[in-house]
PDB file of N, CA and C in Angstrom:
ATOM      1  N   MET A   1      -0.454 -31.493   1.803  1.00  0.00           N
ATOM      2  CA  MET A   1       0.963 -31.286   1.609  1.00  0.00           C
ATOM      3  C   MET A   1       1.427 -30.190   2.558  1.00  0.00           C
ATOM      4  N   ASP A   2       2.379 -30.500   3.409  1.00  0.00           N
ATOM      5  CA  ASP A   2       2.949 -29.515   4.316  1.00  0.00           C
ATOM      6  C   ASP A   2       4.062 -28.754   3.624  1.00  0.00           C
ATOM      7  N   LEU A   3       4.044 -27.463   3.844  1.00  0.00           N
ATOM      8  CA  LEU A   3       5.100 -26.624   3.290  1.00  0.00           C
ATOM      9  C   LEU A   3       6.282 -26.628   4.240  1.00  0.00           C
ATOM     10  N   PRO A   4       7.510 -26.522   3.704  1.00  0.00           N
ATOM     11  CA  PRO A   4       8.689 -26.490   4.580  1.00  0.00           C
ATOM     12  C   PRO A   4       8.590 -25.314   5.549  1.00  0.00           C
ATOM     13  N   GLY A   5       8.866 -25.582   6.813  1.00  0.00           N
ATOM     14  CA  GLY A   5       8.849 -24.542   7.825  1.00  0.00           C
ATOM     15  C   GLY A   5       7.454 -24.188   8.323  1.00  0.00           C
ATOM     16  N   LYS A   6       6.436 -24.793   7.773  1.00  0.00           N
ATOM     17  CA  LYS A   6       5.069 -24.519   8.200  1.00  0.00           C
ATOM     18  C   LYS A   6       4.601 -25.667   9.075  1.00  0.00           C
ATOM     19  N   ARG A   7       4.131 -25.327  10.268  1.00  0.00           N
ATOM     20  CA  ARG A   7       3.668 -26.375  11.179  1.00  0.00           C
ATOM     21  C   ARG A   7       2.177 -26.599  11.012  1.00  0.00           C
ATOM     22  N   THR A   8       1.766 -27.823  11.251  1.00  0.00           N
ATOM     23  CA  THR A   8       0.358 -28.177  11.187  1.00  0.00           C
ATOM     24  C   THR A   8      -0.164 -28.230  12.609  1.00  0.00           C
ATOM     25  N   LEU A   9      -1.208 -27.447  12.868  1.00  0.00           N
ATOM     26  CA  LEU A   9      -1.771 -27.373  14.215  1.00  0.00           C
ATOM     27  C   LEU A   9      -3.040 -28.213  14.276  1.00  0.00           C
ATOM     28  N   THR A  10      -3.162 -28.963  15.340  1.00  0.00           N
ATOM     29  CA  THR A  10      -4.310 -29.855  15.495  1.00  0.00           C
ATOM     30  C   THR A  10      -5.555 -29.067  15.907  1.00  0.00           C
ATOM     31  N   ASP A  11      -6.709 -29.689  15.706  1.00  0.00           N
ATOM     32  CA  ASP A  11      -7.954 -29.080  16.150  1.00  0.00           C
ATOM     33  C   ASP A  11      -7.950 -28.886  17.664  1.00  0.00           C
ATOM     34  N   GLY A  12      -7.348 -29.817  18.378  1.00  0.00           N
ATOM     35  CA  GLY A  12      -7.250 -29.697  19.834  1.00  0.00           C
ATOM     36  C   GLY A  12      -6.452 -28.474  20.250  1.00  0.00           C
ATOM     37  N   PHE A  13      -5.365 -28.222  19.558  1.00  0.00           N
ATOM     38  CA  PHE A  13      -4.551 -27.036  19.839  1.00  0.00           C
ATOM     39  C   PHE A  13      -5.373 -25.772  19.604  1.00  0.00           C
ATOM     40  N   LYS A  14      -6.119 -25.753  18.517  1.00  0.00           N
ATOM     41  CA  LYS A  14      -6.928 -24.586  18.176  1.00  0.00           C
ATOM     42  C   LYS A  14      -8.005 -24.340  19.235  1.00  0.00           C
ATOM     43  N   ARG A  15      -8.650 -25.434  19.691  1.00  0.00           N
ATOM     44  CA  ARG A  15      -9.666 -25.292  20.739  1.00  0.00           C
ATOM     45  C   ARG A  15      -9.054 -24.791  22.036  1.00  0.00           C
ATOM     46  N   GLU A  16      -7.900 -25.329  22.388  1.00  0.00           N
ATOM     47  CA  GLU A  16      -7.227 -24.907  23.620  1.00  0.00           C
ATOM     48  C   GLU A  16      -6.809 -23.440  23.543  1.00  0.00           C
ATOM     49  N   ALA A  17      -6.334 -23.011  22.382  1.00  0.00           N
ATOM     50  CA  ALA A  17      -5.938 -21.613  22.203  1.00  0.00           C
ATOM     51  C   ALA A  17      -7.149 -20.698  22.382  1.00  0.00           C
ATOM     52  N   ALA A  18      -8.272 -21.072  21.791  1.00  0.00           N
ATOM     53  CA  ALA A  18      -9.502 -20.285  21.940  1.00  0.00           C
ATOM     54  C   ALA A  18      -9.953 -20.286  23.397  1.00  0.00           C
ATOM     55  N   TRP A  19      -9.850 -21.431  24.055  1.00  0.00           N
ATOM     56  CA  TRP A  19     -10.224 -21.547  25.461  1.00  0.00           C
ATOM     57  C   TRP A  19      -9.367 -20.626  26.323  1.00  0.00           C
ATOM     58  N   LEU A  20      -8.083 -20.525  26.009  1.00  0.00           N
ATOM     59  CA  LEU A  20      -7.198 -19.632  26.760  1.00  0.00           C
ATOM     60  C   LEU A  20      -7.676 -18.186  26.692  1.00  0.00           C
ATOM     61  N   VAL A  21      -8.091 -17.754  25.519  1.00  0.00           N
ATOM     62  CA  VAL A  21      -8.582 -16.378  25.375  1.00  0.00           C
ATOM     63  C   VAL A  21      -9.840 -16.190  26.215  1.00  0.00           C
ATOM     64  N   GLN A  22     -10.719 -17.172  26.201  1.00  0.00           N
ATOM     65  CA  GLN A  22     -11.993 -17.048  26.896  1.00  0.00           C
ATOM     66  C   GLN A  22     -11.868 -17.120  28.411  1.00  0.00           C
ATOM     67  N   THR A  23     -10.870 -17.801  28.916  1.00  0.00           N
ATOM     68  CA  THR A  23     -10.812 -18.051  30.357  1.00  0.00           C
ATOM     69  C   THR A  23      -9.642 -17.403  31.091  1.00  0.00           C
ATOM     70  N   SER A  24      -8.631 -16.963  30.375  1.00  0.00           N
ATOM     71  CA  SER A  24      -7.425 -16.484  31.053  1.00  0.00           C
ATOM     72  C   SER A  24      -7.460 -15.010  31.427  1.00  0.00           C
ATOM     73  N   GLY A  25      -8.405 -14.259  30.846  1.00  0.00           N
ATOM     74  CA  GLY A  25      -8.428 -12.828  31.101  1.00  0.00           C
ATOM     75  C   GLY A  25      -7.390 -12.074  30.278  1.00  0.00           C
ATOM     76  N   ARG A  26      -6.744 -12.778  29.373  1.00  0.00           N
ATOM     77  CA  ARG A  26      -5.735 -12.170  28.505  1.00  0.00           C
ATOM     78  C   ARG A  26      -6.365 -11.859  27.162  1.00  0.00           C
ATOM     79  N   THR A  27      -5.773 -10.916  26.455  1.00  0.00           N
ATOM     80  CA  THR A  27      -6.306 -10.518  25.154  1.00  0.00           C
ATOM     81  C   THR A  27      -5.903 -11.520  24.079  1.00  0.00           C
ATOM     82  N   ILE A  28      -6.593 -11.420  22.949  1.00  0.00           N
ATOM     83  CA  ILE A  28      -6.235 -12.256  21.798  1.00  0.00           C
ATOM     84  C   ILE A  28      -4.783 -12.009  21.419  1.00  0.00           C
ATOM     85  N   GLU A  29      -4.383 -10.751  21.442  1.00  0.00           N
ATOM     86  CA  GLU A  29      -3.013 -10.398  21.064  1.00  0.00           C
ATOM     87  C   GLU A  29      -1.987 -11.071  21.985  1.00  0.00           C
ATOM     88  N   GLN A  30      -2.247 -11.035  23.279  1.00  0.00           N
ATOM     89  CA  GLN A  30      -1.310 -11.630  24.241  1.00  0.00           C
ATOM     90  C   GLN A  30      -1.210 -13.145  24.048  1.00  0.00           C
ATOM     91  N   VAL A  31      -2.339 -13.799  23.910  1.00  0.00           N
ATOM     92  CA  VAL A  31      -2.334 -15.259  23.746  1.00  0.00           C
ATOM     93  C   VAL A  31      -1.680 -15.632  22.419  1.00  0.00           C
ATOM     94  N   ALA A  32      -2.029 -14.921  21.359  1.00  0.00           N
ATOM     95  CA  ALA A  32      -1.445 -15.207  20.045  1.00  0.00           C
ATOM     96  C   ALA A  32       0.070 -15.043  20.078  1.00  0.00           C
ATOM     97  N   ASP A  33       0.536 -13.967  20.697  1.00  0.00           N
ATOM     98  CA  ASP A  33       1.984 -13.744  20.793  1.00  0.00           C
ATOM     99  C   ASP A  33       2.663 -14.855  21.587  1.00  0.00           C
ATOM    100  N   ASP A  34       2.039 -15.267  22.704  1.00  0.00           N
ATOM    101  CA  ASP A  34       2.613 -16.338  23.531  1.00  0.00           C
ATOM    102  C   ASP A  34       2.695 -17.654  22.765  1.00  0.00           C
ATOM    103  N   LEU A  35       1.689 -17.930  21.930  1.00  0.00           N
ATOM    104  CA  LEU A  35       1.648 -19.194  21.205  1.00  0.00           C
ATOM    105  C   LEU A  35       2.380 -19.137  19.867  1.00  0.00           C
ATOM    106  N   GLY A  36       2.784 -17.943  19.471  1.00  0.00           N
ATOM    107  CA  GLY A  36       3.502 -17.807  18.210  1.00  0.00           C
ATOM    108  C   GLY A  36       2.621 -17.986  16.989  1.00  0.00           C
ATOM    109  N   ILE A  37       1.376 -17.529  17.106  1.00  0.00           N
ATOM    110  CA  ILE A  37       0.450 -17.617  15.983  1.00  0.00           C
ATOM    111  C   ILE A  37      -0.077 -16.222  15.666  1.00  0.00           C
ATOM    112  N   GLY A  38      -0.664 -16.092  14.491  1.00  0.00           N
ATOM    113  CA  GLY A  38      -1.203 -14.802  14.085  1.00  0.00           C
ATOM    114  C   GLY A  38      -2.447 -14.432  14.874  1.00  0.00           C
ATOM    115  N   ARG A  39      -2.592 -13.140  15.125  1.00  0.00           N
ATOM    116  CA  ARG A  39      -3.753 -12.660  15.879  1.00  0.00           C
ATOM    117  C   ARG A  39      -5.053 -12.919  15.125  1.00  0.00           C
ATOM    118  N   SER A  40      -5.047 -12.692  13.826  1.00  0.00           N
ATOM    119  CA  SER A  40      -6.279 -12.917  13.058  1.00  0.00           C
ATOM    120  C   SER A  40      -6.614 -14.407  13.007  1.00  0.00           C
ATOM    121  N   THR A  41      -5.599 -15.240  12.962  1.00  0.00           N
ATOM    122  CA  THR A  41      -5.820 -16.689  12.975  1.00  0.00           C
ATOM    123  C   THR A  41      -6.494 -17.103  14.269  1.00  0.00           C
ATOM    124  N   LEU A  42      -5.978 -16.622  15.390  1.00  0.00           N
ATOM    125  CA  LEU A  42      -6.566 -16.946  16.688  1.00  0.00           C
ATOM    126  C   LEU A  42      -7.981 -16.380  16.777  1.00  0.00           C
ATOM    127  N   GLY A  43      -8.197 -15.208  16.230  1.00  0.00           N
ATOM    128  CA  GLY A  43      -9.539 -14.626  16.217  1.00  0.00           C
ATOM    129  C   GLY A  43     -10.522 -15.489  15.461  1.00  0.00           C
ATOM    130  N   LYS A  44     -10.088 -16.067  14.352  1.00  0.00           N
ATOM    131  CA  LYS A  44     -10.952 -16.971  13.563  1.00  0.00           C
ATOM    132  C   LYS A  44     -11.265 -18.234  14.361  1.00  0.00           C
ATOM    133  N   TRP A  45     -10.254 -18.777  15.044  1.00  0.00           N
ATOM    134  CA  TRP A  45     -10.476 -19.970  15.851  1.00  0.00           C
ATOM    135  C   TRP A  45     -11.469 -19.675  16.977  1.00  0.00           C
ATOM    136  N   LEU A  46     -11.328 -18.519  17.593  1.00  0.00           N
ATOM    137  CA  LEU A  46     -12.205 -18.128  18.682  1.00  0.00           C
ATOM    138  C   LEU A  46     -13.639 -17.980  18.188  1.00  0.00           C
ATOM    139  N   THR A  47     -13.820 -17.348  17.049  1.00  0.00           N
ATOM    140  CA  THR A  47     -15.148 -17.200  16.457  1.00  0.00           C
ATOM    141  C   THR A  47     -15.753 -18.560  16.157  1.00  0.00           C
ATOM    142  N   ARG A  48     -14.970 -19.447  15.586  1.00  0.00           N
ATOM    143  CA  ARG A  48     -15.449 -20.788  15.254  1.00  0.00           C
ATOM    144  C   ARG A  48     -15.870 -21.541  16.517  1.00  0.00           C
ATOM    145  N   GLU A  49     -15.080 -21.433  17.583  1.00  0.00           N
ATOM    146  CA  GLU A  49     -15.412 -22.120  18.836  1.00  0.00           C
ATOM    147  C   GLU A  49     -16.691 -21.562  19.439  1.00  0.00           C
ATOM    148  N   ARG A  50     -16.852 -20.257  19.403  1.00  0.00           N
ATOM    149  CA  ARG A  50     -18.072 -19.643  19.946  1.00  0.00           C
ATOM    150  C   ARG A  50     -19.295 -20.082  19.149  1.00  0.00           C
ATOM    151  N   GLU A  51     -19.177 -20.117  17.826  1.00  0.00           N
ATOM    152  CA  GLU A  51     -20.294 -20.559  16.987  1.00  0.00           C
ATOM    153  C   GLU A  51     -20.618 -22.024  17.245  1.00  0.00           C
ATOM    154  N   THR A  52     -19.592 -22.846  17.359  1.00  0.00           N
ATOM    155  CA  THR A  52     -19.790 -24.265  17.642  1.00  0.00           C
ATOM    156  C   THR A  52     -20.490 -24.441  18.977  1.00  0.00           C
ATOM    157  N   ASP A  53     -20.063 -23.674  19.970  1.00  0.00           N
ATOM    158  CA  ASP A  53     -20.668 -23.758  21.295  1.00  0.00           C
ATOM    159  C   ASP A  53     -22.131 -23.354  21.251  1.00  0.00           C
ATOM    160  N   LEU A  54     -22.446 -22.297  20.530  1.00  0.00           N
ATOM    161  CA  LEU A  54     -23.827 -21.839  20.435  1.00  0.00           C
ATOM    162  C   LEU A  54     -24.726 -22.855  19.738  1.00  0.00           C
ATOM    163  N   LEU A  55     -24.173 -23.542  18.755  1.00  0.00           N
ATOM    164  CA  LEU A  55     -24.964 -24.482  17.972  1.00  0.00           C
ATOM    165  C   LEU A  55     -24.978 -25.891  18.557  1.00  0.00           C
ATOM    166  N   SER A  56     -24.242 -26.094  19.646  1.00  0.00           N
ATOM    167  CA  SER A  56     -24.079 -27.446  20.180  1.00  0.00           C
ATOM    168  C   SER A  56     -25.243 -27.923  21.024  1.00  0.00           C
ATOM    169  N   GLY A  57     -26.264 -27.140  21.144  1.00  0.00           N
ATOM    170  CA  GLY A  57     -27.416 -27.572  21.919  1.00  0.00           C
ATOM    171  C   GLY A  57     -27.844 -26.500  22.885  1.00  0.00           C
ATOM    172  N   GLN A  58     -28.810 -26.851  23.696  1.00  0.00           N
ATOM    173  CA  GLN A  58     -29.348 -25.872  24.631  1.00  0.00           C
ATOM    174  C   GLN A  58     -28.394 -25.602  25.769  1.00  0.00           C
ATOM    175  N   HIS A  59     -28.366 -24.363  26.165  1.00  0.00           N
ATOM    176  CA  HIS A  59     -27.618 -23.929  27.341  1.00  0.00           C
ATOM    177  C   HIS A  59     -28.640 -23.522  28.392  1.00  0.00           C
ATOM    178  N   ALA A  60     -28.215 -23.423  29.614  1.00  0.00           N
ATOM    179  CA  ALA A  60     -29.144 -23.107  30.699  1.00  0.00           C
ATOM    180  C   ALA A  60     -29.899 -21.809  30.433  1.00  0.00           C
ATOM    181  N   ASP A  61     -29.209 -20.774  29.985  1.00  0.00           N
ATOM    182  CA  ASP A  61     -29.880 -19.508  29.745  1.00  0.00           C
ATOM    183  C   ASP A  61     -30.840 -19.598  28.558  1.00  0.00           C
ATOM    184  N   MET A  62     -30.508 -20.416  27.574  1.00  0.00           N
ATOM    185  CA  MET A  62     -31.402 -20.601  26.437  1.00  0.00           C
ATOM    186  C   MET A  62     -32.655 -21.358  26.867  1.00  0.00           C
ATOM    187  N   ALA A  63     -32.504 -22.314  27.730  1.00  0.00           N
ATOM    188  CA  ALA A  63     -33.653 -23.083  28.211  1.00  0.00           C
ATOM    189  C   ALA A  63     -34.585 -22.186  29.018  1.00  0.00           C
ATOM    190  N   LYS A  64     -34.011 -21.311  29.842  1.00  0.00           N
ATOM    191  CA  LYS A  64     -34.828 -20.374  30.619  1.00  0.00           C
ATOM    192  C   LYS A  64     -35.578 -19.423  29.701  1.00  0.00           C
ATOM    193  N   GLU A  65     -34.901 -18.908  28.693  1.00  0.00           N
ATOM    194  CA  GLU A  65     -35.535 -17.995  27.745  1.00  0.00           C
ATOM    195  C   GLU A  65     -36.639 -18.698  26.970  1.00  0.00           C
ATOM    196  N   LEU A  66     -36.405 -19.925  26.574  1.00  0.00           N
ATOM    197  CA  LEU A  66     -37.421 -20.693  25.860  1.00  0.00           C
ATOM    198  C   LEU A  66     -38.652 -20.903  26.743  1.00  0.00           C
ATOM    199  N   ALA A  67     -38.439 -21.224  28.001  1.00  0.00           N
ATOM    200  CA  ALA A  67     -39.560 -21.409  28.931  1.00  0.00           C
ATOM    201  C   ALA A  67     -40.326 -20.094  29.104  1.00  0.00           C
ATOM    202  N   ARG A  68     -39.615 -18.987  29.201  1.00  0.00           N
ATOM    203  CA  ARG A  68     -40.248 -17.683  29.348  1.00  0.00           C
ATOM    204  C   ARG A  68     -41.085 -17.351  28.115  1.00  0.00           C
ATOM    205  N   LEU A  69     -40.542 -17.612  26.933  1.00  0.00           N
ATOM    206  CA  LEU A  69     -41.261 -17.319  25.695  1.00  0.00           C
ATOM    207  C   LEU A  69     -42.496 -18.203  25.537  1.00  0.00           C
ATOM    208  N   ARG A  70     -42.379 -19.447  25.938  1.00  0.00           N
ATOM    209  CA  ARG A  70     -43.543 -20.341  25.867  1.00  0.00           C
ATOM    210  C   ARG A  70     -44.659 -19.857  26.800  1.00  0.00           C
ATOM    211  N   LYS A  71     -44.288 -19.431  28.001  1.00  0.00           N
ATOM    212  CA  LYS A  71     -45.272 -18.909  28.952  1.00  0.00           C
ATOM    213  C   LYS A  71     -45.910 -17.639  28.389  1.00  0.00           C
ATOM    214  N   GLU A  72     -45.096 -16.764  27.811  1.00  0.00           N
ATOM    215  CA  GLU A  72     -45.610 -15.533  27.211  1.00  0.00           C
ATOM    216  C   GLU A  72     -46.582 -15.850  26.068  1.00  0.00           C
ATOM    217  N   ASN A  73     -46.241 -16.818  25.249  1.00  0.00           N
ATOM    218  CA  ASN A  73     -47.132 -17.251  24.165  1.00  0.00           C
ATOM    219  C   ASN A  73     -48.464 -17.743  24.719  1.00  0.00           C
ATOM    220  N   GLU A  74     -48.393 -18.510  25.772  1.00  0.00           N
ATOM    221  CA  GLU A  74     -49.604 -19.040  26.396  1.00  0.00           C
ATOM    222  C   GLU A  74     -50.497 -17.898  26.882  1.00  0.00           C
ATOM    223  N   ILE A  75     -49.901 -16.902  27.512  1.00  0.00           N
ATOM    224  CA  ILE A  75     -50.660 -15.755  28.023  1.00  0.00           C
ATOM    225  C   ILE A  75     -51.270 -14.961  26.867  1.00  0.00           C
ATOM    226  N   LEU A  76     -50.477 -14.721  25.824  1.00  0.00           N
ATOM    227  CA  LEU A  76     -50.972 -13.956  24.680  1.00  0.00           C
ATOM    228  C   LEU A  76     -52.100 -14.689  23.954  1.00  0.00           C
ATOM    229  N   ARG A  77     -51.989 -16.004  23.842  1.00  0.00           N
ATOM    230  CA  ARG A  77     -53.067 -16.778  23.208  1.00  0.00           C
ATOM    231  C   ARG A  77     -54.345 -16.709  24.035  1.00  0.00           C
ATOM    232  N   ALA A  78     -54.198 -16.772  25.347  1.00  0.00           N
ATOM    233  CA  ALA A  78     -55.362 -16.686  26.218  1.00  0.00           C
ATOM    234  C   ALA A  78     -56.033 -15.321  26.081  1.00  0.00           C
ATOM    235  N   LYS A  79     -55.236 -14.265  26.034  1.00  0.00           N
ATOM    236  CA  LYS A  79     -55.780 -12.922  25.851  1.00  0.00           C
ATOM    237  C   LYS A  79     -56.486 -12.802  24.504  1.00  0.00           C
ATOM    238  N   ARG A  80     -55.889 -13.351  23.480  1.00  0.00           N
ATOM    239  CA  ARG A  80     -56.463 -13.308  22.135  1.00  0.00           C
ATOM    240  C   ARG A  80     -57.800 -14.052  22.106  1.00  0.00           C
ATOM    241  N   ASP A  81     -57.851 -15.183  22.754  1.00  0.00           N
ATOM    242  CA  ASP A  81     -59.069 -15.999  22.742  1.00  0.00           C
ATOM    243  C   ASP A  81     -60.202 -15.328  23.519  1.00  0.00           C
ATOM    244  N   LEU A  82     -59.891 -14.457  24.463  1.00  0.00           N
ATOM    245  CA  LEU A  82     -60.909 -13.745  25.230  1.00  0.00           C
ATOM    246  C   LEU A  82     -61.537 -12.615  24.427  1.00  0.00           C
ATOM    247  N   GLN A  83     -60.858 -12.148  23.428  1.00  0.00           N
ATOM    248  CA  GLN A  83     -61.366 -11.017  22.645  1.00  0.00           C
ATOM    249  C   GLN A  83     -62.380 -11.404  21.638  1.00  0.00           C
TER     250      GLN A  83
END
């Protein structure tokens, strides 16, 4: 149920708003003011987008770190087996 005078914002709008904060070099306050939305609301959208991005699968830096940790494990196991 929509309340009178209250607009319904799409998920796409929310993602785009979060993207603007991440890529425009502008603050949350500036983007929120430009879009006519609350700063805390935009902050929540930004947090949600960052969490979604982190959980969406491997990123290049995560893959590199995983490879490094696997190599380190291999070295530590070899050292352990020599003792």
